[in-house]
């Protein structure tokens, strides 16, 4: 069962950037591209790299792990080179200027 977490105001997340937030016991990377927000588990399943420190490609809604540069879809969680490999993504919405994710 998922729960909603307010992770900050829109302006707390830099445009074309990311932040790591806590949602219960999990650390989640939240990315912003203008009015679009994405959330993905912060640890890469390969070597545990912090996704919030990875290279964000807003035009592709993709983040590259900072350790090995593998690209993960922020929309689906799929690895760009092998869609059988996944990382968890989370729904994000904006409510009254607050960024809210369900985890």
Protein backbone atom coordinates (compact mmCIF):
# COMPACT_ATOMS: atom_id res chain seq x y z
CA UNK A 1 0.00 0.00 0.00
CA UNK A 2 1.49 3.33 -1.01
CA UNK A 3 1.48 6.52 1.00
CA UNK A 4 1.79 10.15 -0.13
CA UNK A 5 4.84 12.16 0.96
CA UNK A 6 5.22 15.92 0.55
CA UNK A 7 8.86 16.30 -0.50
CA UNK A 8 9.00 20.08 -0.82
CA UNK A 9 7.77 23.04 -2.79
CA UNK A 10 8.19 23.23 -6.55
CA UNK A 11 11.02 25.77 -6.17
CA UNK A 12 12.91 23.43 -3.80
CA UNK A 13 13.74 21.20 -6.77
CA UNK A 14 15.96 22.93 -9.32
CA UNK A 15 14.71 22.98 -12.90
CA UNK A 16 16.71 20.43 -14.94
CA UNK A 17 18.03 19.09 -11.63
CA UNK A 18 17.30 16.65 -8.83
CA UNK A 19 17.21 16.14 -5.09
CA UNK A 20 17.26 13.08 -2.87
CA UNK A 21 14.37 12.85 -0.41
CA UNK A 22 13.27 10.45 2.29
CA UNK A 23 9.90 8.74 1.97
CA UNK A 24 9.49 6.50 4.98
CA UNK A 25 12.55 4.22 5.01
CA UNK A 26 13.37 4.82 1.35
CA UNK A 27 15.58 7.40 -0.33
CA UNK A 28 14.11 8.54 -3.62
CA UNK A 29 15.60 10.79 -6.31
CA UNK A 30 13.17 13.42 -7.59
CA UNK A 31 13.91 15.10 -10.93
CA UNK A 32 12.36 18.22 -12.42
CA UNK A 33 12.05 19.35 -16.02
CA UNK A 34 9.98 22.53 -15.97
CA UNK A 35 6.53 21.44 -14.81
CA UNK A 36 7.31 17.71 -15.15
CA UNK A 37 8.51 15.73 -12.15
CA UNK A 38 9.87 12.19 -11.96
CA UNK A 39 10.80 9.99 -9.01
CA UNK A 40 13.03 6.93 -9.03
CA UNK A 41 14.67 4.80 -6.34
CA UNK A 42 17.91 6.58 -5.47
CA UNK A 43 20.17 3.52 -5.57
CA UNK A 44 21.15 1.95 -8.87
CA UNK A 45 20.56 -1.82 -8.70
CA UNK A 46 23.97 -2.52 -10.26
CA UNK A 47 26.46 -0.93 -7.85
CA UNK A 48 24.31 1.29 -5.66
CA UNK A 49 25.19 4.63 -7.27
CA UNK A 50 23.04 7.53 -6.10
CA UNK A 51 20.76 8.31 -9.03
CA UNK A 52 20.20 11.88 -7.80
CA UNK A 53 23.91 12.46 -8.56
CA UNK A 54 23.62 11.00 -12.05
CA UNK A 55 23.50 12.87 -15.34
CA UNK A 56 19.90 13.95 -15.98
CA UNK A 57 18.82 14.06 -19.63
CA UNK A 58 15.50 15.94 -19.51
CA UNK A 59 14.89 15.69 -23.26
CA UNK A 60 14.79 11.88 -22.93
CA UNK A 61 13.43 11.66 -19.34
CA UNK A 62 16.55 9.60 -18.58
CA UNK A 63 19.12 9.52 -15.79
CA UNK A 64 22.57 7.99 -16.09
CA UNK A 65 24.03 6.25 -13.05
CA UNK A 66 27.06 8.24 -11.82
CA UNK A 67 29.14 5.07 -11.47
CA UNK A 68 28.75 3.23 -14.79
CA UNK A 69 26.63 5.69 -16.88
CA UNK A 70 23.86 3.20 -17.57
CA UNK A 71 20.72 5.08 -18.64
CA UNK A 72 17.45 4.51 -16.80
CA UNK A 73 14.06 5.75 -17.99
CA UNK A 74 12.45 8.06 -15.46
CA UNK A 75 9.04 7.23 -16.94
CA UNK A 76 9.21 3.43 -16.83
CA UNK A 77 12.29 2.53 -14.79
CA UNK A 78 13.66 0.44 -17.66
CA UNK A 79 17.35 0.24 -18.49
CA UNK A 80 17.81 1.76 -21.96
CA UNK A 81 19.97 -1.11 -23.24
CA UNK A 82 18.05 -3.99 -21.64
CA UNK A 83 14.40 -3.34 -20.84
CA UNK A 84 14.25 -6.53 -18.78
CA UNK A 85 16.19 -4.68 -16.07
CA UNK A 86 14.18 -2.23 -14.00
CA UNK A 87 14.51 0.28 -11.21
CA UNK A 88 11.46 1.37 -9.24
CA UNK A 89 9.74 4.61 -10.21
CA UNK A 90 7.13 6.49 -8.20
CA UNK A 91 4.15 8.65 -9.18
CA UNK A 92 4.66 12.38 -8.55
CA UNK A 93 2.09 15.17 -8.57
CA UNK A 94 1.96 18.84 -7.62
CA UNK A 95 -0.72 19.91 -5.17
CA UNK A 96 -1.00 23.60 -4.21
CA UNK A 97 2.65 24.21 -5.08
CA UNK A 98 3.85 21.17 -3.13
CA UNK A 99 5.58 18.21 -4.78
CA UNK A 100 3.97 14.98 -3.57
CA UNK A 101 5.13 11.46 -4.34
CA UNK A 102 3.47 8.15 -3.64
CA UNK A 103 5.74 5.46 -2.24
